[in-house]
PDB file of N, CA and C in Angstrom:
ATOM      1  N   MET A   1       0.814  -1.190   0.000  1.00  0.00           N
ATOM      2  CA  MET A   1       0.000   0.000   0.000  1.00  0.00           C
ATOM      3  C   MET A   1       0.865   1.265   0.000  1.00  0.00           C
ATOM      4  N   MET A   2       1.970   1.218   0.762  1.00  0.00           N
ATOM      5  CA  MET A   2       2.867   2.363   0.828  1.00  0.00           C
ATOM      6  C   MET A   2       3.517   2.624  -0.536  1.00  0.00           C
ATOM      7  N   ASN A   3       3.825   1.565  -1.262  1.00  0.00           N
ATOM      8  CA  ASN A   3       4.407   1.708  -2.601  1.00  0.00           C
ATOM      9  C   ASN A   3       3.467   2.455  -3.535  1.00  0.00           C
ATOM     10  N   MET A   4       2.181   2.121  -3.462  1.00  0.00           N
ATOM     11  CA  MET A   4       1.184   2.765  -4.310  1.00  0.00           C
ATOM     12  C   MET A   4       1.075   4.251  -3.966  1.00  0.00           C
ATOM     13  N   MET A   5       1.130   4.584  -2.678  1.00  0.00           N
ATOM     14  CA  MET A   5       1.062   5.992  -2.250  1.00  0.00           C
ATOM     15  C   MET A   5       2.276   6.758  -2.763  1.00  0.00           C
ATOM     16  N   ASN A   6       3.457   6.146  -2.675  1.00  0.00           N
ATOM     17  CA  ASN A   6       4.681   6.783  -3.176  1.00  0.00           C
ATOM     18  C   ASN A   6       4.603   6.997  -4.682  1.00  0.00           C
ATOM     19  N   MET A   7       4.091   6.004  -5.401  1.00  0.00           N
ATOM     20  CA  MET A   7       3.962   6.129  -6.856  1.00  0.00           C
ATOM     21  C   MET A   7       2.995   7.256  -7.211  1.00  0.00           C
ATOM     22  N   MET A   8       1.900   7.381  -6.461  1.00  0.00           N
ATOM     23  CA  MET A   8       0.934   8.445  -6.728  1.00  0.00           C
ATOM     24  C   MET A   8       1.549   9.815  -6.446  1.00  0.00           C
ATOM     25  N   LYS A   9       2.332   9.922  -5.391  1.00  0.00           N
ATOM     26  CA  LYS A   9       3.014  11.186  -5.085  1.00  0.00           C
ATOM     27  C   LYS A   9       4.008  11.542  -6.190  1.00  0.00           C
ATOM     28  N   GLN A  10       4.746  10.529  -6.649  1.00  0.00           N
ATOM     29  CA  GLN A  10       5.706  10.764  -7.725  1.00  0.00           C
ATOM     30  C   GLN A  10       4.990  11.203  -8.998  1.00  0.00           C
ATOM     31  N   ALA A  11       3.866  10.562  -9.303  1.00  0.00           N
ATOM     32  CA  ALA A  11       3.100  10.932 -10.494  1.00  0.00           C
ATOM     33  C   ALA A  11       2.607  12.370 -10.387  1.00  0.00           C
ATOM     34  N   GLN A  12       2.141  12.771  -9.207  1.00  0.00           N
ATOM     35  CA  GLN A  12       1.681  14.144  -9.007  1.00  0.00           C
ATOM     36  C   GLN A  12       2.831  15.132  -9.143  1.00  0.00           C
ATOM     37  N   THR A  13       3.982  14.776  -8.627  1.00  0.00           N
ATOM     38  CA  THR A  13       5.167  15.631  -8.735  1.00  0.00           C
ATOM     39  C   THR A  13       5.571  15.791 -10.191  1.00  0.00           C
ATOM     40  N   ILE A  14       5.569  14.695 -10.922  1.00  0.00           N
ATOM     41  CA  ILE A  14       5.928  14.742 -12.349  1.00  0.00           C
ATOM     42  C   ILE A  14       4.924  15.589 -13.108  1.00  0.00           C
ATOM     43  N   GLN A  15       3.638  15.399 -12.825  1.00  0.00           N
ATOM     44  CA  GLN A  15       2.594  16.174 -13.498  1.00  0.00           C
ATOM     45  C   GLN A  15       2.776  17.672 -13.215  1.00  0.00           C
ATOM     46  N   LYS A  16       3.096  18.023 -11.982  1.00  0.00           N
ATOM     47  CA  LYS A  16       3.326  19.426 -11.615  1.00  0.00           C
ATOM     48  C   LYS A  16       4.532  19.981 -12.370  1.00  0.00           C
ATOM     49  N   ARG A  17       5.608  19.194 -12.432  1.00  0.00           N
ATOM     50  CA  ARG A  17       6.814  19.643 -13.161  1.00  0.00           C
ATOM     51  C   ARG A  17       6.519  19.825 -14.649  1.00  0.00           C
ATOM     52  N   LEU A  18       5.734  18.902 -15.220  1.00  0.00           N
ATOM     53  CA  LEU A  18       5.372  19.020 -16.636  1.00  0.00           C
ATOM     54  C   LEU A  18       4.604  20.320 -16.879  1.00  0.00           C
ATOM     55  N   LYS A  19       3.653  20.624 -16.017  1.00  0.00           N
ATOM     56  CA  LYS A  19       2.865  21.851 -16.159  1.00  0.00           C
ATOM     57  C   LYS A  19       3.768  23.078 -16.042  1.00  0.00           C
ATOM     58  N   GLU A  20       4.655  23.089 -15.060  1.00  0.00           N
ATOM     59  CA  GLU A  20       5.573  24.215 -14.883  1.00  0.00           C
ATOM     60  C   GLU A  20       6.479  24.379 -16.096  1.00  0.00           C
ATOM     61  N   THR A  21       6.966  23.265 -16.615  1.00  0.00           N
ATOM     62  CA  THR A  21       7.839  23.314 -17.791  1.00  0.00           C
ATOM     63  C   THR A  21       7.076  23.812 -19.006  1.00  0.00           C
ATOM     64  N   GLN A  22       5.836  23.341 -19.196  1.00  0.00           N
ATOM     65  CA  GLN A  22       5.024  23.820 -20.315  1.00  0.00           C
ATOM     66  C   GLN A  22       4.784  25.317 -20.205  1.00  0.00           C
ATOM     67  N   ASP A  23       4.477  25.795 -19.004  1.00  0.00           N
ATOM     68  CA  ASP A  23       4.276  27.234 -18.806  1.00  0.00           C
ATOM     69  C   ASP A  23       5.548  28.016 -19.127  1.00  0.00           C
ATOM     70  N   GLU A  24       6.672  27.504 -18.682  1.00  0.00           N
ATOM     71  CA  GLU A  24       7.960  28.154 -18.950  1.00  0.00           C
ATOM     72  C   GLU A  24       8.235  28.204 -20.452  1.00  0.00           C
ATOM     73  N   LEU A  25       7.988  27.093 -21.146  1.00  0.00           N
ATOM     74  CA  LEU A  25       8.208  27.044 -22.595  1.00  0.00           C
ATOM     75  C   LEU A  25       7.303  28.024 -23.327  1.00  0.00           C
ATOM     76  N   ASN A  26       6.058  28.165 -22.862  1.00  0.00           N
ATOM     77  CA  ASN A  26       5.130  29.113 -23.487  1.00  0.00           C
ATOM     78  C   ASN A  26       5.603  30.550 -23.355  1.00  0.00           C
ATOM     79  N   GLN A  27       6.317  30.867 -22.282  1.00  0.00           N
ATOM     80  CA  GLN A  27       6.769  32.234 -22.024  1.00  0.00           C
ATOM     81  C   GLN A  27       8.070  32.589 -22.748  1.00  0.00           C
ATOM     82  N   MET A  28       8.775  31.597 -23.242  1.00  0.00           N
ATOM     83  CA  MET A  28      10.085  31.840 -23.870  1.00  0.00           C
ATOM     84  C   MET A  28       9.926  32.505 -25.234  1.00  0.00           C
ATOM     85  N   ASP A  29      10.903  33.300 -25.595  1.00  0.00           N
ATOM     86  CA  ASP A  29      11.028  33.864 -26.934  1.00  0.00           C
ATOM     87  C   ASP A  29      12.348  33.367 -27.518  1.00  0.00           C
ATOM     88  N   ILE A  30      12.242  32.593 -28.578  1.00  0.00           N
ATOM     89  CA  ILE A  30      13.424  32.086 -29.262  1.00  0.00           C
ATOM     90  C   ILE A  30      13.393  32.663 -30.671  1.00  0.00           C
ATOM     91  N   SER A  31      14.484  33.333 -31.040  1.00  0.00           N
ATOM     92  CA  SER A  31      14.485  34.030 -32.325  1.00  0.00           C
ATOM     93  C   SER A  31      15.489  33.433 -33.293  1.00  0.00           C
ATOM     94  N   GLY A  32      15.179  33.644 -34.548  1.00  0.00           N
ATOM     95  CA  GLY A  32      16.073  33.261 -35.633  1.00  0.00           C
ATOM     96  C   GLY A  32      15.972  34.317 -36.710  1.00  0.00           C
ATOM     97  N   GLU A  33      16.972  34.350 -37.553  1.00  0.00           N
ATOM     98  CA  GLU A  33      16.947  35.346 -38.618  1.00  0.00           C
ATOM     99  C   GLU A  33      17.609  34.802 -39.867  1.00  0.00           C
ATOM    100  N   ALA A  34      17.281  35.467 -40.971  1.00  0.00           N
ATOM    101  CA  ALA A  34      17.849  35.105 -42.270  1.00  0.00           C
ATOM    102  C   ALA A  34      18.097  36.390 -43.056  1.00  0.00           C
ATOM    103  N   GLY A  35      18.829  36.244 -44.141  1.00  0.00           N
ATOM    104  CA  GLY A  35      19.102  37.397 -44.992  1.00  0.00           C
ATOM    105  C   GLY A  35      19.823  38.504 -44.266  1.00  0.00           C
ATOM    106  N   ASN A  36      20.873  38.137 -43.514  1.00  0.00           N
ATOM    107  CA  ASN A  36      21.644  39.117 -42.746  1.00  0.00           C
ATOM    108  C   ASN A  36      20.769  39.955 -41.823  1.00  0.00           C
ATOM    109  N   GLY A  37      19.770  39.304 -41.232  1.00  0.00           N
ATOM    110  CA  GLY A  37      18.911  39.993 -40.278  1.00  0.00           C
ATOM    111  C   GLY A  37      17.725  40.703 -40.891  1.00  0.00           C
ATOM    112  N   SER A  38      17.527  40.575 -42.194  1.00  0.00           N
ATOM    113  CA  SER A  38      16.402  41.283 -42.819  1.00  0.00           C
ATOM    114  C   SER A  38      15.061  40.613 -42.534  1.00  0.00           C
ATOM    115  N   VAL A  39      15.088  39.344 -42.114  1.00  0.00           N
ATOM    116  CA  VAL A  39      13.878  38.638 -41.690  1.00  0.00           C
ATOM    117  C   VAL A  39      14.166  38.025 -40.329  1.00  0.00           C
ATOM    118  N   LYS A  40      13.330  38.378 -39.346  1.00  0.00           N
ATOM    119  CA  LYS A  40      13.491  37.849 -37.998  1.00  0.00           C
ATOM    120  C   LYS A  40      12.183  37.188 -37.573  1.00  0.00           C
ATOM    121  N   VAL A  41      12.304  36.001 -36.977  1.00  0.00           N
ATOM    122  CA  VAL A  41      11.137  35.238 -36.546  1.00  0.00           C
ATOM    123  C   VAL A  41      11.307  34.891 -35.072  1.00  0.00           C
ATOM    124  N   ILE A  42      10.201  34.958 -34.341  1.00  0.00           N
ATOM    125  CA  ILE A  42      10.219  34.574 -32.928  1.00  0.00           C
ATOM    126  C   ILE A  42       9.204  33.450 -32.723  1.00  0.00           C
ATOM    127  N   CYS A  43       9.644  32.408 -32.019  1.00  0.00           N
ATOM    128  CA  CYS A  43       8.790  31.290 -31.629  1.00  0.00           C
ATOM    129  C   CYS A  43       8.844  31.165 -30.114  1.00  0.00           C
ATOM    130  N   ASP A  44       7.868  30.433 -29.563  1.00  0.00           N
ATOM    131  CA  ASP A  44       7.944  30.149 -28.138  1.00  0.00           C
ATOM    132  C   ASP A  44       8.826  28.914 -27.932  1.00  0.00           C
ATOM    133  N   GLY A  45       8.973  28.495 -26.703  1.00  0.00           N
ATOM    134  CA  GLY A  45       9.841  27.360 -26.389  1.00  0.00           C
ATOM    135  C   GLY A  45       9.337  26.031 -26.896  1.00  0.00           C
ATOM    136  N   LYS A  46       8.083  25.990 -27.350  1.00  0.00           N
ATOM    137  CA  LYS A  46       7.532  24.768 -27.940  1.00  0.00           C
ATOM    138  C   LYS A  46       7.699  24.764 -29.455  1.00  0.00           C
ATOM    139  N   GLY A  47       8.232  25.870 -29.990  1.00  0.00           N
ATOM    140  CA  GLY A  47       8.415  25.978 -31.428  1.00  0.00           C
ATOM    141  C   GLY A  47       7.225  26.574 -32.148  1.00  0.00           C
ATOM    142  N   LEU A  48       6.239  27.066 -31.394  1.00  0.00           N
ATOM    143  CA  LEU A  48       5.081  27.688 -32.029  1.00  0.00           C
ATOM    144  C   LEU A  48       5.408  29.132 -32.400  1.00  0.00           C
ATOM    145  N   PHE A  49       5.026  29.496 -33.605  1.00  0.00           N
ATOM    146  CA  PHE A  49       5.293  30.813 -34.161  1.00  0.00           C
ATOM    147  C   PHE A  49       4.633  31.902 -33.337  1.00  0.00           C
ATOM    148  N   LYS A  50       5.370  32.996 -33.100  1.00  0.00           N
ATOM    149  CA  LYS A  50       4.829  34.158 -32.399  1.00  0.00           C
ATOM    150  C   LYS A  50       4.774  35.393 -33.305  1.00  0.00           C
ATOM    151  N   SER A  51       5.894  35.704 -33.972  1.00  0.00           N
ATOM    152  CA  SER A  51       5.902  36.918 -34.777  1.00  0.00           C
ATOM    153  C   SER A  51       7.012  36.887 -35.816  1.00  0.00           C
ATOM    154  N   ILE A  52       6.872  37.804 -36.772  1.00  0.00           N
ATOM    155  CA  ILE A  52       7.873  37.983 -37.824  1.00  0.00           C
ATOM    156  C   ILE A  52       8.117  39.480 -37.994  1.00  0.00           C
ATOM    157  N   LYS A  53       9.356  39.843 -38.243  1.00  0.00           N
ATOM    158  CA  LYS A  53       9.716  41.229 -38.533  1.00  0.00           C
ATOM    159  C   LYS A  53      10.490  41.244 -39.849  1.00  0.00           C
ATOM    160  N   LEU A  54      10.047  42.100 -40.736  1.00  0.00           N
ATOM    161  CA  LEU A  54      10.684  42.230 -42.046  1.00  0.00           C
ATOM    162  C   LEU A  54      11.331  43.602 -42.163  1.00  0.00           C
ATOM    163  N   SER A  55      12.470  43.643 -42.808  1.00  0.00           N
ATOM    164  CA  SER A  55      13.094  44.932 -43.096  1.00  0.00           C
ATOM    165  C   SER A  55      12.747  45.328 -44.527  1.00  0.00           C
ATOM    166  N   PRO A  56      12.855  46.597 -44.853  1.00  0.00           N
ATOM    167  CA  PRO A  56      12.599  47.019 -46.230  1.00  0.00           C
ATOM    168  C   PRO A  56      13.496  46.279 -47.242  1.00  0.00           C
ATOM    169  N   GLU A  57      14.722  45.942 -46.816  1.00  0.00           N
ATOM    170  CA  GLU A  57      15.648  45.230 -47.704  1.00  0.00           C
ATOM    171  C   GLU A  57      15.147  43.826 -48.063  1.00  0.00           C
ATOM    172  N   ALA A  58      14.378  43.209 -47.178  1.00  0.00           N
ATOM    173  CA  ALA A  58      13.836  41.879 -47.453  1.00  0.00           C
ATOM    174  C   ALA A  58      12.757  41.940 -48.527  1.00  0.00           C
ATOM    175  N   ILE A  59      12.081  43.065 -48.609  1.00  0.00           N
ATOM    176  CA  ILE A  59      10.976  43.214 -49.553  1.00  0.00           C
ATOM    177  C   ILE A  59      11.454  43.758 -50.898  1.00  0.00           C
ATOM    178  N   ASN A  60      12.339  44.727 -50.858  1.00  0.00           N
ATOM    179  CA  ASN A  60      12.854  45.332 -52.082  1.00  0.00           C
ATOM    180  C   ASN A  60      14.338  45.632 -51.900  1.00  0.00           C
ATOM    181  N   PRO A  61      15.184  44.621 -52.105  1.00  0.00           N
ATOM    182  CA  PRO A  61      16.616  44.819 -51.862  1.00  0.00           C
ATOM    183  C   PRO A  61      17.266  45.872 -52.761  1.00  0.00           C
ATOM    184  N   GLU A  62      16.701  46.094 -53.940  1.00  0.00           N
ATOM    185  CA  GLU A  62      17.285  47.069 -54.861  1.00  0.00           C
ATOM    186  C   GLU A  62      16.913  48.504 -54.507  1.00  0.00           C
ATOM    187  N   ASN A  63      15.767  48.670 -53.821  1.00  0.00           N
ATOM    188  CA  ASN A  63      15.332  50.019 -53.456  1.00  0.00           C
ATOM    189  C   ASN A  63      14.536  49.968 -52.148  1.00  0.00           C
ATOM    190  N   PRO A  64      15.216  49.676 -51.022  1.00  0.00           N
ATOM    191  CA  PRO A  64      14.503  49.542 -49.749  1.00  0.00           C
ATOM    192  C   PRO A  64      13.774  50.802 -49.306  1.00  0.00           C
ATOM    193  N   SER A  65      14.248  51.969 -49.725  1.00  0.00           N
ATOM    194  CA  SER A  65      13.592  53.220 -49.312  1.00  0.00           C
ATOM    195  C   SER A  65      12.212  53.368 -49.957  1.00  0.00           C
ATOM    196  N   ALA A  66      11.909  52.585 -50.983  1.00  0.00           N
ATOM    197  CA  ALA A  66      10.608  52.651 -51.654  1.00  0.00           C
ATOM    198  C   ALA A  66       9.534  51.866 -50.896  1.00  0.00           C
ATOM    199  N   VAL A  67       9.938  51.124 -49.862  1.00  0.00           N
ATOM    200  CA  VAL A  67       8.996  50.292 -49.105  1.00  0.00           C
ATOM    201  C   VAL A  67       8.489  51.072 -47.892  1.00  0.00           C
ATOM    202  N   SER A  68       7.176  51.221 -47.805  1.00  0.00           N
ATOM    203  CA  SER A  68       6.599  51.976 -46.688  1.00  0.00           C
ATOM    204  C   SER A  68       6.436  51.090 -45.455  1.00  0.00           C
ATOM    205  N   GLU A  69       6.355  51.728 -44.297  1.00  0.00           N
ATOM    206  CA  GLU A  69       6.107  51.020 -43.036  1.00  0.00           C
ATOM    207  C   GLU A  69       4.764  50.296 -43.082  1.00  0.00           C
ATOM    208  N   ASP A  70       3.773  50.906 -43.730  1.00  0.00           N
ATOM    209  CA  ASP A  70       2.452  50.272 -43.859  1.00  0.00           C
ATOM    210  C   ASP A  70       2.544  48.966 -44.643  1.00  0.00           C
ATOM    211  N   THR A  71       3.340  48.967 -45.694  1.00  0.00           N
ATOM    212  CA  THR A  71       3.523  47.757 -46.493  1.00  0.00           C
ATOM    213  C   THR A  71       4.187  46.671 -45.665  1.00  0.00           C
ATOM    214  N   ILE A  72       5.215  47.048 -44.931  1.00  0.00           N
ATOM    215  CA  ILE A  72       5.924  46.080 -44.082  1.00  0.00           C
ATOM    216  C   ILE A  72       4.962  45.506 -43.046  1.00  0.00           C
ATOM    217  N   GLU A  73       4.206  46.366 -42.391  1.00  0.00           N
ATOM    218  CA  GLU A  73       3.272  45.916 -41.359  1.00  0.00           C
ATOM    219  C   GLU A  73       2.195  44.999 -41.941  1.00  0.00           C
ATOM    220  N   MET A  74       1.682  45.355 -43.127  1.00  0.00           N
ATOM    221  CA  MET A  74       0.665  44.531 -43.770  1.00  0.00           C
ATOM    222  C   MET A  74       1.224  43.144 -44.102  1.00  0.00           C
ATOM    223  N   LEU A  75       2.434  43.084 -44.645  1.00  0.00           N
ATOM    224  CA  LEU A  75       3.050  41.798 -44.967  1.00  0.00           C
ATOM    225  C   LEU A  75       3.308  40.974 -43.708  1.00  0.00           C
ATOM    226  N   GLU A  76       3.799  41.610 -42.656  1.00  0.00           N
ATOM    227  CA  GLU A  76       4.024  40.906 -41.390  1.00  0.00           C
ATOM    228  C   GLU A  76       2.708  40.322 -40.866  1.00  0.00           C
ATOM    229  N   ASP A  77       1.637  41.097 -40.957  1.00  0.00           N
ATOM    230  CA  ASP A  77       0.334  40.643 -40.474  1.00  0.00           C
ATOM    231  C   ASP A  77      -0.208  39.464 -41.279  1.00  0.00           C
ATOM    232  N   ILE A  78      -0.137  39.537 -42.603  1.00  0.00           N
ATOM    233  CA  ILE A  78      -0.703  38.437 -43.398  1.00  0.00           C
ATOM    234  C   ILE A  78       0.160  37.177 -43.297  1.00  0.00           C
ATOM    235  N   ILE A  79       1.455  37.341 -43.178  1.00  0.00           N
ATOM    236  CA  ILE A  79       2.327  36.177 -42.978  1.00  0.00           C
ATOM    237  C   ILE A  79       2.032  35.550 -41.614  1.00  0.00           C
ATOM    238  N   THR A  80       1.904  36.376 -40.587  1.00  0.00           N
ATOM    239  CA  THR A  80       1.590  35.885 -39.239  1.00  0.00           C
ATOM    240  C   THR A  80       0.261  35.139 -39.232  1.00  0.00           C
ATOM    241  N   THR A  81      -0.746  35.709 -39.875  1.00  0.00           N
ATOM    242  CA  THR A  81      -2.064  35.070 -39.931  1.00  0.00           C
ATOM    243  C   THR A  81      -1.982  33.714 -40.634  1.00  0.00           C
ATOM    244  N   ALA A  82      -1.300  33.662 -41.758  1.00  0.00           N
ATOM    245  CA  ALA A  82      -1.188  32.405 -42.507  1.00  0.00           C
ATOM    246  C   ALA A  82      -0.460  31.334 -41.693  1.00  0.00           C
ATOM    247  N   ILE A  83       0.620  31.710 -41.050  1.00  0.00           N
ATOM    248  CA  ILE A  83       1.379  30.742 -40.251  1.00  0.00           C
ATOM    249  C   ILE A  83       0.547  30.262 -39.067  1.00  0.00           C
ATOM    250  N   ASN A  84      -0.128  31.180 -38.384  1.00  0.00           N
ATOM    251  CA  ASN A  84      -0.930  30.787 -37.221  1.00  0.00           C
ATOM    252  C   ASN A  84      -2.112  29.907 -37.611  1.00  0.00           C
ATOM    253  N   GLN A  85      -2.757  30.187 -38.737  1.00  0.00           N
ATOM    254  CA  GLN A  85      -3.845  29.331 -39.213  1.00  0.00           C
ATOM    255  C   GLN A  85      -3.338  27.928 -39.516  1.00  0.00           C
ATOM    256  N   THR A  86      -2.216  27.853 -40.182  1.00  0.00           N
ATOM    257  CA  THR A  86      -1.643  26.559 -40.528  1.00  0.00           C
ATOM    258  C   THR A  86      -1.205  25.800 -39.286  1.00  0.00           C
ATOM    259  N   SER A  87      -0.569  26.488 -38.349  1.00  0.00           N
ATOM    260  CA  SER A  87      -0.153  25.844 -37.099  1.00  0.00           C
ATOM    261  C   SER A  87      -1.359  25.317 -36.338  1.00  0.00           C
ATOM    262  N   GLY A  88      -2.427  26.108 -36.285  1.00  0.00           N
ATOM    263  CA  GLY A  88      -3.645  25.676 -35.600  1.00  0.00           C
ATOM    264  C   GLY A  88      -4.224  24.420 -36.218  1.00  0.00           C
ATOM    265  N   LYS A  89      -4.243  24.372 -37.538  1.00  0.00           N
ATOM    266  CA  LYS A  89      -4.742  23.182 -38.228  1.00  0.00           C
ATOM    267  C   LYS A  89      -3.851  21.977 -37.939  1.00  0.00           C
ATOM    268  N   ALA A  90      -2.549  22.193 -37.971  1.00  0.00           N
ATOM    269  CA  ALA A  90      -1.602  21.101 -37.727  1.00  0.00           C
ATOM    270  C   ALA A  90      -1.752  20.560 -36.307  1.00  0.00           C
ATOM    271  N   ILE A  91      -1.962  21.448 -35.343  1.00  0.00           N
ATOM    272  CA  ILE A  91      -2.137  21.016 -33.950  1.00  0.00           C
ATOM    273  C   ILE A  91      -3.408  20.178 -33.817  1.00  0.00           C
ATOM    274  N   LYS A  92      -4.492  20.604 -34.460  1.00  0.00           N
ATOM    275  CA  LYS A  92      -5.744  19.839 -34.400  1.00  0.00           C
ATOM    276  C   LYS A  92      -5.574  18.451 -35.009  1.00  0.00           C
ATOM    277  N   VAL A  93      -4.898  18.367 -36.137  1.00  0.00           N
ATOM    278  CA  VAL A  93      -4.661  17.069 -36.773  1.00  0.00           C
ATOM    279  C   VAL A  93      -3.825  16.188 -35.857  1.00  0.00           C
ATOM    280  N   MET A  94      -2.770  16.763 -35.267  1.00  0.00           N
ATOM    281  CA  MET A  94      -1.907  16.004 -34.370  1.00  0.00           C
ATOM    282  C   MET A  94      -2.691  15.507 -33.161  1.00  0.00           C
ATOM    283  N   GLU A  95      -3.537  16.370 -32.583  1.00  0.00           N
ATOM    284  CA  GLU A  95      -4.337  15.973 -31.428  1.00  0.00           C
ATOM    285  C   GLU A  95      -5.286  14.831 -31.780  1.00  0.00           C
ATOM    286  N   GLU A  96      -5.925  14.920 -32.950  1.00  0.00           N
ATOM    287  CA  GLU A  96      -6.838  13.854 -33.378  1.00  0.00           C
ATOM    288  C   GLU A  96      -6.088  12.533 -33.559  1.00  0.00           C
ATOM    289  N   LYS A  97      -4.940  12.590 -34.185  1.00  0.00           N
ATOM    290  CA  LYS A  97      -4.144  11.373 -34.405  1.00  0.00           C
ATOM    291  C   LYS A  97      -3.682  10.778 -33.081  1.00  0.00           C
ATOM    292  N   MET A  98      -3.241  11.633 -32.153  1.00  0.00           N
ATOM    293  CA  MET A  98      -2.758  11.140 -30.865  1.00  0.00           C
ATOM    294  C   MET A  98      -3.908  10.571 -30.032  1.00  0.00           C
ATOM    295  N   LYS A  99      -5.101  11.178 -30.105  1.00  0.00           N
ATOM    296  CA  LYS A  99      -6.255  10.651 -29.385  1.00  0.00           C
ATOM    297  C   LYS A  99      -6.642   9.283 -29.922  1.00  0.00           C
ATOM    298  N   ALA A 100      -6.483   9.094 -31.231  1.00  0.00           N
ATOM    299  CA  ALA A 100      -6.781   7.788 -31.819  1.00  0.00           C
ATOM    300  C   ALA A 100      -5.823   6.733 -31.276  1.00  0.00           C
ATOM    301  N   VAL A 101      -4.577   7.118 -31.064  1.00  0.00           N
ATOM    302  CA  VAL A 101      -3.567   6.185 -30.552  1.00  0.00           C
ATOM    303  C   VAL A 101      -3.780   5.907 -29.064  1.00  0.00           C
ATOM    304  N   THR A 102      -4.112   6.976 -28.297  1.00  0.00           N
ATOM    305  CA  THR A 102      -4.238   6.821 -26.843  1.00  0.00           C
ATOM    306  C   THR A 102      -5.654   6.437 -26.410  1.00  0.00           C
ATOM    307  N   GLY A 103      -6.556   6.294 -27.352  1.00  0.00           N
ATOM    308  CA  GLY A 103      -7.931   5.950 -27.010  1.00  0.00           C
ATOM    309  C   GLY A 103      -8.651   7.085 -26.292  1.00  0.00           C
ATOM    310  N   GLY A 104      -8.232   8.312 -26.548  1.00  0.00           N
ATOM    311  CA  GLY A 104      -8.874   9.474 -25.933  1.00  0.00           C
ATOM    312  C   GLY A 104      -8.334   9.834 -24.569  1.00  0.00           C
ATOM    313  N   ILE A 105      -7.371   9.066 -24.070  1.00  0.00           N
ATOM    314  CA  ILE A 105      -6.783   9.356 -22.769  1.00  0.00           C
ATOM    315  C   ILE A 105      -5.848  10.539 -22.919  1.00  0.00           C
ATOM    316  N   SER A 106      -6.016  11.541 -22.062  1.00  0.00           N
ATOM    317  CA  SER A 106      -5.156  12.716 -22.099  1.00  0.00           C
ATOM    318  C   SER A 106      -3.866  12.428 -21.331  1.00  0.00           C
ATOM    319  N   ILE A 107      -2.747  12.544 -22.014  1.00  0.00           N
ATOM    320  CA  ILE A 107      -1.444  12.334 -21.401  1.00  0.00           C
ATOM    321  C   ILE A 107      -0.748  13.689 -21.340  1.00  0.00           C
ATOM    322  N   PRO A 108      -0.560  14.254 -20.121  1.00  0.00           N
ATOM    323  CA  PRO A 108       0.048  15.573 -20.002  1.00  0.00           C
ATOM    324  C   PRO A 108       1.403  15.646 -20.692  1.00  0.00           C
ATOM    325  N   GLY A 109       1.591  16.741 -21.439  1.00  0.00           N
ATOM    326  CA  GLY A 109       2.861  16.937 -22.124  1.00  0.00           C
ATOM    327  C   GLY A 109       2.915  16.306 -23.495  1.00  0.00           C
ATOM    328  N   LEU A 110       1.941  15.439 -23.807  1.00  0.00           N
ATOM    329  CA  LEU A 110       1.935  14.777 -25.109  1.00  0.00           C
ATOM    330  C   LEU A 110       1.340  15.662 -26.172  1.00  0.00           C
ATOM    331  N   PHE A 111       0.268  16.362 -25.844  1.00  0.00           N
ATOM    332  CA  PHE A 111      -0.343  17.335 -26.738  1.00  0.00           C
ATOM    333  C   PHE A 111      -1.211  18.276 -25.973  1.00  0.00           C
TER     334      PHE A 111
END
C-alpha cells in the first residue's frame, strides 16, 4: 500500500513539473533570422510561431527606401495570420491522431 502511495506522489510531482515546464516554454522567446537579419522570426519554447519582422531590404533589396512602413506591417500581419492558421490546423490534426492512438486518454505533455 505504501508503494502505491509513493507512486501516486511521484506521479503528481511529475505532473506538476510538466505543467511548470510547459508554462515556462510558453513564455520563452526564441528568435532566428535570415538574410543578414532582414527577416526575424520569434517562436515560443515549444516551437510555435509568435511573430515575424521584415526589413525594407527583405521586400525590395534594390530600393529599400521605396517600401513603406504600412507595407511592411501589412506583410508581417498576413504572414503571421497564414502561419498561425496553418499551425492551428496542424495542432488539431496532431491531437486527433494522438487521441486515436491513446484511445482518448489525455497524457500531459503529449499534446
